Amino acid sequence: MNKAKKLAFFFLLMMATVFGTEAFASTATSAFDDVYDLLVGWSTGALGKSISLGMFIVGIGVGLVNQSVIAAVAGALVLQYAPTVISGIMSAVI
């Protein structure tokens, strides 16, 4: 090994030992629980239902012009059920 490779290996080894302890995952997510609860509340509450209903009505109007209303129905369903699906995916245990 030449001197540059030895030096690079030494720094890599030092970085692994110094920052290796910082790589542990934590199950405590209290820092973002309030933000997550706020966003879920908005999307499943009156605001989310209003946006979903508005998207559905506008999508039906545009869909009638384009003769395809499936996008309106799919978009409204995604807006309404996305928080439940995301919560289920994130809390799944392998």
PDB file of N, CA and C in Angstrom:
ATOM      1  N   MET A   1       0.842  -1.192   0.000  1.00  0.00           N
ATOM      2  CA  MET A   1       0.000   0.000   0.000  1.00  0.00           C
ATOM      3  C   MET A   1       0.877   1.242   0.000  1.00  0.00           C
ATOM      4  N   ASN A   2       0.483   2.194  -0.796  1.00  0.00           N
ATOM      5  CA  ASN A   2       1.254   3.423  -0.783  1.00  0.00           C
ATOM      6  C   ASN A   2       0.788   4.325   0.356  1.00  0.00           C
ATOM      7  N   LYS A   3       1.468   5.412   0.551  1.00  0.00           N
ATOM      8  CA  LYS A   3       1.215   6.289   1.691  1.00  0.00           C
ATOM      9  C   LYS A   3      -0.174   6.917   1.633  1.00  0.00           C
ATOM     10  N   ALA A   4      -0.660   7.298   0.455  1.00  0.00           N
ATOM     11  CA  ALA A   4      -1.986   7.931   0.322  1.00  0.00           C
ATOM     12  C   ALA A   4      -3.100   6.950   0.679  1.00  0.00           C
ATOM     13  N   LYS A   5      -2.964   5.698   0.269  1.00  0.00           N
ATOM     14  CA  LYS A   5      -3.976   4.688   0.593  1.00  0.00           C
ATOM     15  C   LYS A   5      -3.985   4.390   2.086  1.00  0.00           C
ATOM     16  N   LYS A   6      -2.795   4.338   2.702  1.00  0.00           N
ATOM     17  CA  LYS A   6      -2.727   4.104   4.140  1.00  0.00           C
ATOM     18  C   LYS A   6      -3.371   5.253   4.908  1.00  0.00           C
ATOM     19  N   LEU A   7      -3.113   6.462   4.475  1.00  0.00           N
ATOM     20  CA  LEU A   7      -3.686   7.632   5.129  1.00  0.00           C
ATOM     21  C   LEU A   7      -5.203   7.664   4.964  1.00  0.00           C
ATOM     22  N   ALA A   8      -5.698   7.344   3.784  1.00  0.00           N
ATOM     23  CA  ALA A   8      -7.144   7.309   3.552  1.00  0.00           C
ATOM     24  C   ALA A   8      -7.803   6.214   4.383  1.00  0.00           C
ATOM     25  N   PHE A   9      -7.164   5.056   4.483  1.00  0.00           N
ATOM     26  CA  PHE A   9      -7.685   3.973   5.300  1.00  0.00           C
ATOM     27  C   PHE A   9      -7.709   4.359   6.777  1.00  0.00           C
ATOM     28  N   PHE A  10      -6.648   5.043   7.239  1.00  0.00           N
ATOM     29  CA  PHE A  10      -6.593   5.494   8.619  1.00  0.00           C
ATOM     30  C   PHE A  10      -7.730   6.469   8.927  1.00  0.00           C
ATOM     31  N   PHE A  11      -7.970   7.445   8.037  1.00  0.00           N
ATOM     32  CA  PHE A  11      -9.051   8.402   8.264  1.00  0.00           C
ATOM     33  C   PHE A  11     -10.422   7.734   8.206  1.00  0.00           C
ATOM     34  N   LEU A  12     -10.580   6.771   7.324  1.00  0.00           N
ATOM     35  CA  LEU A  12     -11.839   6.029   7.254  1.00  0.00           C
ATOM     36  C   LEU A  12     -12.077   5.248   8.536  1.00  0.00           C
ATOM     37  N   LEU A  13     -11.035   4.621   9.051  1.00  0.00           N
ATOM     38  CA  LEU A  13     -11.142   3.879  10.300  1.00  0.00           C
ATOM     39  C   LEU A  13     -11.459   4.811  11.470  1.00  0.00           C
ATOM     40  N   MET A  14     -10.829   5.964  11.498  1.00  0.00           N
ATOM     41  CA  MET A  14     -11.092   6.939  12.563  1.00  0.00           C
ATOM     42  C   MET A  14     -12.536   7.463  12.482  1.00  0.00           C
ATOM     43  N   MET A  15     -13.011   7.746  11.290  1.00  0.00           N
ATOM     44  CA  MET A  15     -14.388   8.227  11.122  1.00  0.00           C
ATOM     45  C   MET A  15     -15.380   7.166  11.564  1.00  0.00           C
ATOM     46  N   ALA A  16     -15.092   5.904  11.263  1.00  0.00           N
ATOM     47  CA  ALA A  16     -15.995   4.819  11.653  1.00  0.00           C
ATOM     48  C   ALA A  16     -16.053   4.663  13.165  1.00  0.00           C
ATOM     49  N   THR A  17     -14.927   4.841  13.826  1.00  0.00           N
ATOM     50  CA  THR A  17     -14.929   4.693  15.279  1.00  0.00           C
ATOM     51  C   THR A  17     -15.513   5.906  15.976  1.00  0.00           C
ATOM     52  N   VAL A  18     -15.280   7.086  15.452  1.00  0.00           N
ATOM     53  CA  VAL A  18     -15.787   8.301  16.093  1.00  0.00           C
ATOM     54  C   VAL A  18     -17.284   8.456  15.871  1.00  0.00           C
ATOM     55  N   PHE A  19     -17.730   8.293  14.634  1.00  0.00           N
ATOM     56  CA  PHE A  19     -19.134   8.532  14.311  1.00  0.00           C
ATOM     57  C   PHE A  19     -19.974   7.255  14.303  1.00  0.00           C
ATOM     58  N   GLY A  20     -19.369   6.123  14.564  1.00  0.00           N
ATOM     59  CA  GLY A  20     -20.113   4.868  14.570  1.00  0.00           C
ATOM     60  C   GLY A  20     -21.153   4.809  15.670  1.00  0.00           C
ATOM     61  N   THR A  21     -20.877   5.447  16.789  1.00  0.00           N
ATOM     62  CA  THR A  21     -21.842   5.437  17.895  1.00  0.00           C
ATOM     63  C   THR A  21     -23.039   6.322  17.611  1.00  0.00           C
ATOM     64  N   GLU A  22     -22.938   7.236  16.676  1.00  0.00           N
ATOM     65  CA  GLU A  22     -24.033   8.144  16.349  1.00  0.00           C
ATOM     66  C   GLU A  22     -25.033   7.530  15.394  1.00  0.00           C
ATOM     67  N   ALA A  23     -24.782   6.350  14.902  1.00  0.00           N
ATOM     68  CA  ALA A  23     -25.621   5.756  13.870  1.00  0.00           C
ATOM     69  C   ALA A  23     -26.723   4.863  14.415  1.00  0.00           C
ATOM     70  N   PHE A  24     -26.920   4.849  15.715  1.00  0.00           N
ATOM     71  CA  PHE A  24     -27.974   4.018  16.282  1.00  0.00           C
ATOM     72  C   PHE A  24     -29.332   4.631  16.032  1.00  0.00           C
ATOM     73  N   ALA A  25     -30.271   3.817  15.584  1.00  0.00           N
ATOM     74  CA  ALA A  25     -31.623   4.294  15.324  1.00  0.00           C
ATOM     75  C   ALA A  25     -32.383   4.379  16.637  1.00  0.00           C
ATOM     76  N   SER A  26     -33.260   5.335  16.695  1.00  0.00           N
ATOM     77  CA  SER A  26     -34.049   5.528  17.899  1.00  0.00           C
ATOM     78  C   SER A  26     -35.517   5.295  17.592  1.00  0.00           C
ATOM     79  N   THR A  27     -36.219   4.705  18.537  1.00  0.00           N
ATOM     80  CA  THR A  27     -37.651   4.507  18.354  1.00  0.00           C
ATOM     81  C   THR A  27     -38.433   5.677  18.923  1.00  0.00           C
ATOM     82  N   ALA A  28     -37.784   6.565  19.636  1.00  0.00           N
ATOM     83  CA  ALA A  28     -38.458   7.728  20.195  1.00  0.00           C
ATOM     84  C   ALA A  28     -38.568   8.813  19.140  1.00  0.00           C
ATOM     85  N   THR A  29     -39.756   9.111  18.716  1.00  0.00           N
ATOM     86  CA  THR A  29     -39.976  10.123  17.684  1.00  0.00           C
ATOM     87  C   THR A  29     -40.791  11.280  18.227  1.00  0.00           C
ATOM     88  N   SER A  30     -40.572  11.612  19.474  1.00  0.00           N
ATOM     89  CA  SER A  30     -41.382  12.643  20.107  1.00  0.00           C
ATOM     90  C   SER A  30     -41.160  14.019  19.495  1.00  0.00           C
ATOM     91  N   ALA A  31     -40.038  14.228  18.828  1.00  0.00           N
ATOM     92  CA  ALA A  31     -39.762  15.539  18.248  1.00  0.00           C
ATOM     93  C   ALA A  31     -40.739  15.882  17.135  1.00  0.00           C
ATOM     94  N   PHE A  32     -41.204  14.883  16.390  1.00  0.00           N
ATOM     95  CA  PHE A  32     -42.076  15.153  15.262  1.00  0.00           C
ATOM     96  C   PHE A  32     -43.500  14.645  15.462  1.00  0.00           C
ATOM     97  N   ASP A  33     -43.791  14.110  16.637  1.00  0.00           N
ATOM     98  CA  ASP A  33     -45.138  13.594  16.886  1.00  0.00           C
ATOM     99  C   ASP A  33     -46.192  14.681  16.798  1.00  0.00           C
ATOM    100  N   ASP A  34     -45.880  15.867  17.319  1.00  0.00           N
ATOM    101  CA  ASP A  34     -46.849  16.960  17.283  1.00  0.00           C
ATOM    102  C   ASP A  34     -47.144  17.397  15.851  1.00  0.00           C
ATOM    103  N   VAL A  35     -46.094  17.498  15.032  1.00  0.00           N
ATOM    104  CA  VAL A  35     -46.281  17.896  13.630  1.00  0.00           C
ATOM    105  C   VAL A  35     -47.071  16.831  12.872  1.00  0.00           C
ATOM    106  N   TYR A  36     -46.733  15.562  13.112  1.00  0.00           N
ATOM    107  CA  TYR A  36     -47.441  14.464  12.446  1.00  0.00           C
ATOM    108  C   TYR A  36     -48.916  14.454  12.839  1.00  0.00           C
ATOM    109  N   ASP A  37     -49.191  14.600  14.136  1.00  0.00           N
ATOM    110  CA  ASP A  37     -50.577  14.622  14.595  1.00  0.00           C
ATOM    111  C   ASP A  37     -51.343  15.807  14.017  1.00  0.00           C
ATOM    112  N   LEU A  38     -50.680  16.953  13.889  1.00  0.00           N
ATOM    113  CA  LEU A  38     -51.320  18.128  13.299  1.00  0.00           C
ATOM    114  C   LEU A  38     -51.679  17.891  11.834  1.00  0.00           C
ATOM    115  N   LEU A  39     -50.726  17.332  11.066  1.00  0.00           N
ATOM    116  CA  LEU A  39     -50.983  17.083   9.647  1.00  0.00           C
ATOM    117  C   LEU A  39     -52.046  16.010   9.438  1.00  0.00           C
ATOM    118  N   VAL A  40     -52.030  14.965  10.263  1.00  0.00           N
ATOM    119  CA  VAL A  40     -53.064  13.935  10.165  1.00  0.00           C
ATOM    120  C   VAL A  40     -54.416  14.517  10.537  1.00  0.00           C
ATOM    121  N   GLY A  41     -54.454  15.356  11.541  1.00  0.00           N
ATOM    122  CA  GLY A  41     -55.699  16.015  11.931  1.00  0.00           C
ATOM    123  C   GLY A  41     -56.256  16.894  10.832  1.00  0.00           C
ATOM    124  N   TRP A  42     -55.366  17.617  10.167  1.00  0.00           N
ATOM    125  CA  TRP A  42     -55.822  18.454   9.058  1.00  0.00           C
ATOM    126  C   TRP A  42     -56.354  17.613   7.901  1.00  0.00           C
ATOM    127  N   SER A  43     -55.616  16.560   7.557  1.00  0.00           N
ATOM    128  CA  SER A  43     -56.003  15.794   6.367  1.00  0.00           C
ATOM    129  C   SER A  43     -57.223  14.915   6.602  1.00  0.00           C
ATOM    130  N   THR A  44     -57.446  14.454   7.817  1.00  0.00           N
ATOM    131  CA  THR A  44     -58.627  13.629   8.081  1.00  0.00           C
ATOM    132  C   THR A  44     -59.770  14.420   8.688  1.00  0.00           C
ATOM    133  N   GLY A  45     -59.521  15.667   9.023  1.00  0.00           N
ATOM    134  CA  GLY A  45     -60.556  16.508   9.611  1.00  0.00           C
ATOM    135  C   GLY A  45     -61.337  17.266   8.550  1.00  0.00           C
ATOM    136  N   ALA A  46     -61.890  18.373   8.982  1.00  0.00           N
ATOM    137  CA  ALA A  46     -62.734  19.177   8.095  1.00  0.00           C
ATOM    138  C   ALA A  46     -61.947  19.759   6.919  1.00  0.00           C
ATOM    139  N   LEU A  47     -60.700  20.155   7.164  1.00  0.00           N
ATOM    140  CA  LEU A  47     -59.883  20.712   6.077  1.00  0.00           C
ATOM    141  C   LEU A  47     -59.626  19.674   4.993  1.00  0.00           C
ATOM    142  N   GLY A  48     -59.211  18.486   5.388  1.00  0.00           N
ATOM    143  CA  GLY A  48     -58.932  17.431   4.414  1.00  0.00           C
ATOM    144  C   GLY A  48     -60.171  16.998   3.661  1.00  0.00           C
ATOM    145  N   LYS A  49     -61.299  16.898   4.369  1.00  0.00           N
ATOM    146  CA  LYS A  49     -62.542  16.516   3.706  1.00  0.00           C
ATOM    147  C   LYS A  49     -63.004  17.598   2.740  1.00  0.00           C
ATOM    148  N   SER A  50     -62.812  18.867   3.108  1.00  0.00           N
ATOM    149  CA  SER A  50     -63.184  19.964   2.208  1.00  0.00           C
ATOM    150  C   SER A  50     -62.332  19.968   0.949  1.00  0.00           C
ATOM    151  N   ILE A  51     -61.023  19.777   1.126  1.00  0.00           N
ATOM    152  CA  ILE A  51     -60.134  19.728  -0.040  1.00  0.00           C
ATOM    153  C   ILE A  51     -60.473  18.532  -0.917  1.00  0.00           C
ATOM    154  N   SER A  52     -60.732  17.387  -0.290  1.00  0.00           N
ATOM    155  CA  SER A  52     -61.074  16.187  -1.041  1.00  0.00           C
ATOM    156  C   SER A  52     -62.392  16.369  -1.803  1.00  0.00           C
ATOM    157  N   LEU A  53     -63.379  16.945  -1.143  1.00  0.00           N
ATOM    158  CA  LEU A  53     -64.661  17.187  -1.807  1.00  0.00           C
ATOM    159  C   LEU A  53     -64.518  18.201  -2.930  1.00  0.00           C
ATOM    160  N   GLY A  54     -63.750  19.260  -2.705  1.00  0.00           N
ATOM    161  CA  GLY A  54     -63.509  20.248  -3.762  1.00  0.00           C
ATOM    162  C   GLY A  54     -62.786  19.643  -4.948  1.00  0.00           C
ATOM    163  N   MET A  55     -61.800  18.804  -4.680  1.00  0.00           N
ATOM    164  CA  MET A  55     -61.095  18.136  -5.772  1.00  0.00           C
ATOM    165  C   MET A  55     -62.025  17.206  -6.530  1.00  0.00           C
ATOM    166  N   PHE A  56     -62.902  16.529  -5.798  1.00  0.00           N
ATOM    167  CA  PHE A  56     -63.846  15.628  -6.444  1.00  0.00           C
ATOM    168  C   PHE A  56     -64.809  16.392  -7.356  1.00  0.00           C
ATOM    169  N   ILE A  57     -65.338  17.520  -6.873  1.00  0.00           N
ATOM    170  CA  ILE A  57     -66.295  18.295  -7.665  1.00  0.00           C
ATOM    171  C   ILE A  57     -65.629  18.886  -8.903  1.00  0.00           C
ATOM    172  N   VAL A  58     -64.447  19.482  -8.718  1.00  0.00           N
ATOM    173  CA  VAL A  58     -63.732  20.044  -9.869  1.00  0.00           C
ATOM    174  C   VAL A  58     -63.328  18.932 -10.826  1.00  0.00           C
ATOM    175  N   GLY A  59     -62.878  17.797 -10.287  1.00  0.00           N
ATOM    176  CA  GLY A  59     -62.479  16.670 -11.134  1.00  0.00           C
ATOM    177  C   GLY A  59     -63.642  16.095 -11.920  1.00  0.00           C
ATOM    178  N   ILE A  60     -64.820  16.057 -11.305  1.00  0.00           N
ATOM    179  CA  ILE A  60     -66.001  15.579 -12.031  1.00  0.00           C
ATOM    180  C   ILE A  60     -66.315  16.515 -13.193  1.00  0.00           C
ATOM    181  N   GLY A  61     -66.230  17.827 -12.932  1.00  0.00           N
ATOM    182  CA  GLY A  61     -66.483  18.798 -14.002  1.00  0.00           C
ATOM    183  C   GLY A  61     -65.500  18.662 -15.143  1.00  0.00           C
ATOM    184  N   VAL A  62     -64.221  18.579 -14.814  1.00  0.00           N
ATOM    185  CA  VAL A  62     -63.200  18.423 -15.855  1.00  0.00           C
ATOM    186  C   VAL A  62     -63.327  17.054 -16.507  1.00  0.00           C
ATOM    187  N   GLY A  63     -63.650  16.048 -15.711  1.00  0.00           N
ATOM    188  CA  GLY A  63     -63.798  14.702 -16.248  1.00  0.00           C
ATOM    189  C   GLY A  63     -64.959  14.583 -17.216  1.00  0.00           C
ATOM    190  N   LEU A  64     -66.039  15.309 -16.947  1.00  0.00           N
ATOM    191  CA  LEU A  64     -67.160  15.285 -17.877  1.00  0.00           C
ATOM    192  C   LEU A  64     -66.790  15.912 -19.211  1.00  0.00           C
ATOM    193  N   VAL A  65     -65.974  16.958 -19.154  1.00  0.00           N
ATOM    194  CA  VAL A  65     -65.526  17.586 -20.402  1.00  0.00           C
ATOM    195  C   VAL A  65     -64.612  16.633 -21.161  1.00  0.00           C
ATOM    196  N   ASN A  66     -63.709  15.963 -20.439  1.00  0.00           N
ATOM    197  CA  ASN A  66     -62.776  15.036 -21.082  1.00  0.00           C
ATOM    198  C   ASN A  66     -63.346  13.632 -21.228  1.00  0.00           C
ATOM    199  N   GLN A  67     -64.528  13.400 -20.715  1.00  0.00           N
ATOM    200  CA  GLN A  67     -65.224  12.120 -20.744  1.00  0.00           C
ATOM    201  C   GLN A  67     -64.428  11.029 -20.016  1.00  0.00           C
ATOM    202  N   SER A  68     -63.850  11.398 -18.873  1.00  0.00           N
ATOM    203  CA  SER A  68     -63.145  10.445 -18.032  1.00  0.00           C
ATOM    204  C   SER A  68     -63.175  10.961 -16.600  1.00  0.00           C
ATOM    205  N   VAL A  69     -63.997  10.362 -15.753  1.00  0.00           N
ATOM    206  CA  VAL A  69     -64.138  10.837 -14.381  1.00  0.00           C
ATOM    207  C   VAL A  69     -63.335   9.998 -13.384  1.00  0.00           C
ATOM    208  N   ILE A  70     -62.602   9.019 -13.846  1.00  0.00           N
ATOM    209  CA  ILE A  70     -61.861   8.156 -12.933  1.00  0.00           C
ATOM    210  C   ILE A  70     -60.763   8.916 -12.200  1.00  0.00           C
ATOM    211  N   ALA A  71     -60.158   9.917 -12.811  1.00  0.00           N
ATOM    212  CA  ALA A  71     -59.105  10.696 -12.159  1.00  0.00           C
ATOM    213  C   ALA A  71     -59.658  11.467 -10.970  1.00  0.00           C
ATOM    214  N   ALA A  72     -60.859  11.987 -11.087  1.00  0.00           N
ATOM    215  CA  ALA A  72     -61.470  12.732  -9.988  1.00  0.00           C
ATOM    216  C   ALA A  72     -61.749  11.811  -8.813  1.00  0.00           C
ATOM    217  N   VAL A  73     -62.279  10.664  -9.087  1.00  0.00           N
ATOM    218  CA  VAL A  73     -62.600   9.714  -8.025  1.00  0.00           C
ATOM    219  C   VAL A  73     -61.315   9.218  -7.362  1.00  0.00           C
ATOM    220  N   ALA A  74     -60.328   8.875  -8.154  1.00  0.00           N
ATOM    221  CA  ALA A  74     -59.065   8.378  -7.610  1.00  0.00           C
ATOM    222  C   ALA A  74     -58.349   9.450  -6.787  1.00  0.00           C
ATOM    223  N   GLY A  75     -58.333  10.669  -7.275  1.00  0.00           N
ATOM    224  CA  GLY A  75     -57.676  11.759  -6.544  1.00  0.00           C
ATOM    225  C   GLY A  75     -58.337  12.040  -5.215  1.00  0.00           C
ATOM    226  N   ALA A  76     -59.653  12.064  -5.194  1.00  0.00           N
ATOM    227  CA  ALA A  76     -60.370  12.309  -3.948  1.00  0.00           C
ATOM    228  C   ALA A  76     -60.156  11.165  -2.957  1.00  0.00           C
ATOM    229  N   LEU A  77     -60.137   9.940  -3.440  1.00  0.00           N
ATOM    230  CA  LEU A  77     -59.902   8.801  -2.554  1.00  0.00           C
ATOM    231  C   LEU A  77     -58.489   8.816  -1.981  1.00  0.00           C
ATOM    232  N   VAL A  78     -57.528   9.169  -2.801  1.00  0.00           N
ATOM    233  CA  VAL A  78     -56.147   9.239  -2.328  1.00  0.00           C
ATOM    234  C   VAL A  78     -56.010  10.305  -1.249  1.00  0.00           C
ATOM    235  N   LEU A  79     -56.604  11.466  -1.466  1.00  0.00           N
ATOM    236  CA  LEU A  79     -56.516  12.518  -0.458  1.00  0.00           C
ATOM    237  C   LEU A  79     -57.169  12.110   0.855  1.00  0.00           C
ATOM    238  N   GLN A  80     -58.258  11.386   0.776  1.00  0.00           N
ATOM    239  CA  GLN A  80     -58.981  11.017   1.988  1.00  0.00           C
ATOM    240  C   GLN A  80     -58.310   9.883   2.757  1.00  0.00           C
ATOM    241  N   TYR A  81     -57.764   8.883   2.066  1.00  0.00           N
ATOM    242  CA  TYR A  81     -57.252   7.691   2.736  1.00  0.00           C
ATOM    243  C   TYR A  81     -55.734   7.615   2.838  1.00  0.00           C
ATOM    244  N   ALA A  82     -55.023   8.582   2.306  1.00  0.00           N
ATOM    245  CA  ALA A  82     -53.558   8.552   2.349  1.00  0.00           C
ATOM    246  C   ALA A  82     -52.998   8.527   3.771  1.00  0.00           C
ATOM    247  N   PRO A  83     -53.496   9.320   4.711  1.00  0.00           N
ATOM    248  CA  PRO A  83     -52.924   9.256   6.064  1.00  0.00           C
ATOM    249  C   PRO A  83     -53.064   7.879   6.710  1.00  0.00           C
ATOM    250  N   THR A  84     -54.180   7.206   6.480  1.00  0.00           N
ATOM    251  CA  THR A  84     -54.370   5.876   7.048  1.00  0.00           C
ATOM    252  C   THR A  84     -53.393   4.880   6.440  1.00  0.00           C
ATOM    253  N   VAL A  85     -53.206   4.960   5.135  1.00  0.00           N
ATOM    254  CA  VAL A  85     -52.284   4.046   4.461  1.00  0.00           C
ATOM    255  C   VAL A  85     -50.841   4.312   4.896  1.00  0.00           C
ATOM    256  N   ILE A  86     -50.452   5.582   4.961  1.00  0.00           N
ATOM    257  CA  ILE A  86     -49.088   5.927   5.360  1.00  0.00           C
ATOM    258  C   ILE A  86     -48.835   5.505   6.804  1.00  0.00           C
ATOM    259  N   SER A  87     -49.793   5.718   7.678  1.00  0.00           N
ATOM    260  CA  SER A  87     -49.641   5.311   9.069  1.00  0.00           C
ATOM    261  C   SER A  87     -49.511   3.796   9.173  1.00  0.00           C
ATOM    262  N   GLY A  88     -50.269   3.066   8.387  1.00  0.00           N
ATOM    263  CA  GLY A  88     -50.172   1.605   8.388  1.00  0.00           C
ATOM    264  C   GLY A  88     -48.832   1.103   7.889  1.00  0.00           C
ATOM    265  N   ILE A  89     -48.288   1.767   6.875  1.00  0.00           N
ATOM    266  CA  ILE A  89     -46.991   1.367   6.328  1.00  0.00           C
ATOM    267  C   ILE A  89     -45.879   1.667   7.325  1.00  0.00           C
ATOM    268  N   MET A  90     -45.917   2.833   7.944  1.00  0.00           N
ATOM    269  CA  MET A  90     -44.849   3.230   8.860  1.00  0.00           C
ATOM    270  C   MET A  90     -44.880   2.453  10.165  1.00  0.00           C
ATOM    271  N   SER A  91     -46.027   1.950  10.560  1.00  0.00           N
ATOM    272  CA  SER A  91     -46.100   1.207  11.830  1.00  0.00           C
ATOM    273  C   SER A  91     -46.057  -0.300  11.632  1.00  0.00           C
ATOM    274  N   ALA A  92     -45.855  -0.746  10.405  1.00  0.00           N
ATOM    275  CA  ALA A  92     -45.800  -2.191  10.138  1.00  0.00           C
ATOM    276  C   ALA A  92     -44.523  -2.775  10.724  1.00  0.00           C
ATOM    277  N   VAL A  93     -44.661  -3.966  11.258  1.00  0.00           N
ATOM    278  CA  VAL A  93     -43.516  -4.656  11.843  1.00  0.00           C
ATOM    279  C   VAL A  93     -43.184  -5.849  10.966  1.00  0.00           C
ATOM    280  N   ILE A  94     -41.927  -5.959  10.628  1.00  0.00           N
ATOM    281  CA  ILE A  94     -41.506  -7.067   9.762  1.00  0.00           C
ATOM    282  C   ILE A  94     -41.246  -8.284  10.615  1.00  0.00           C
TER     283      ILE A  94
END
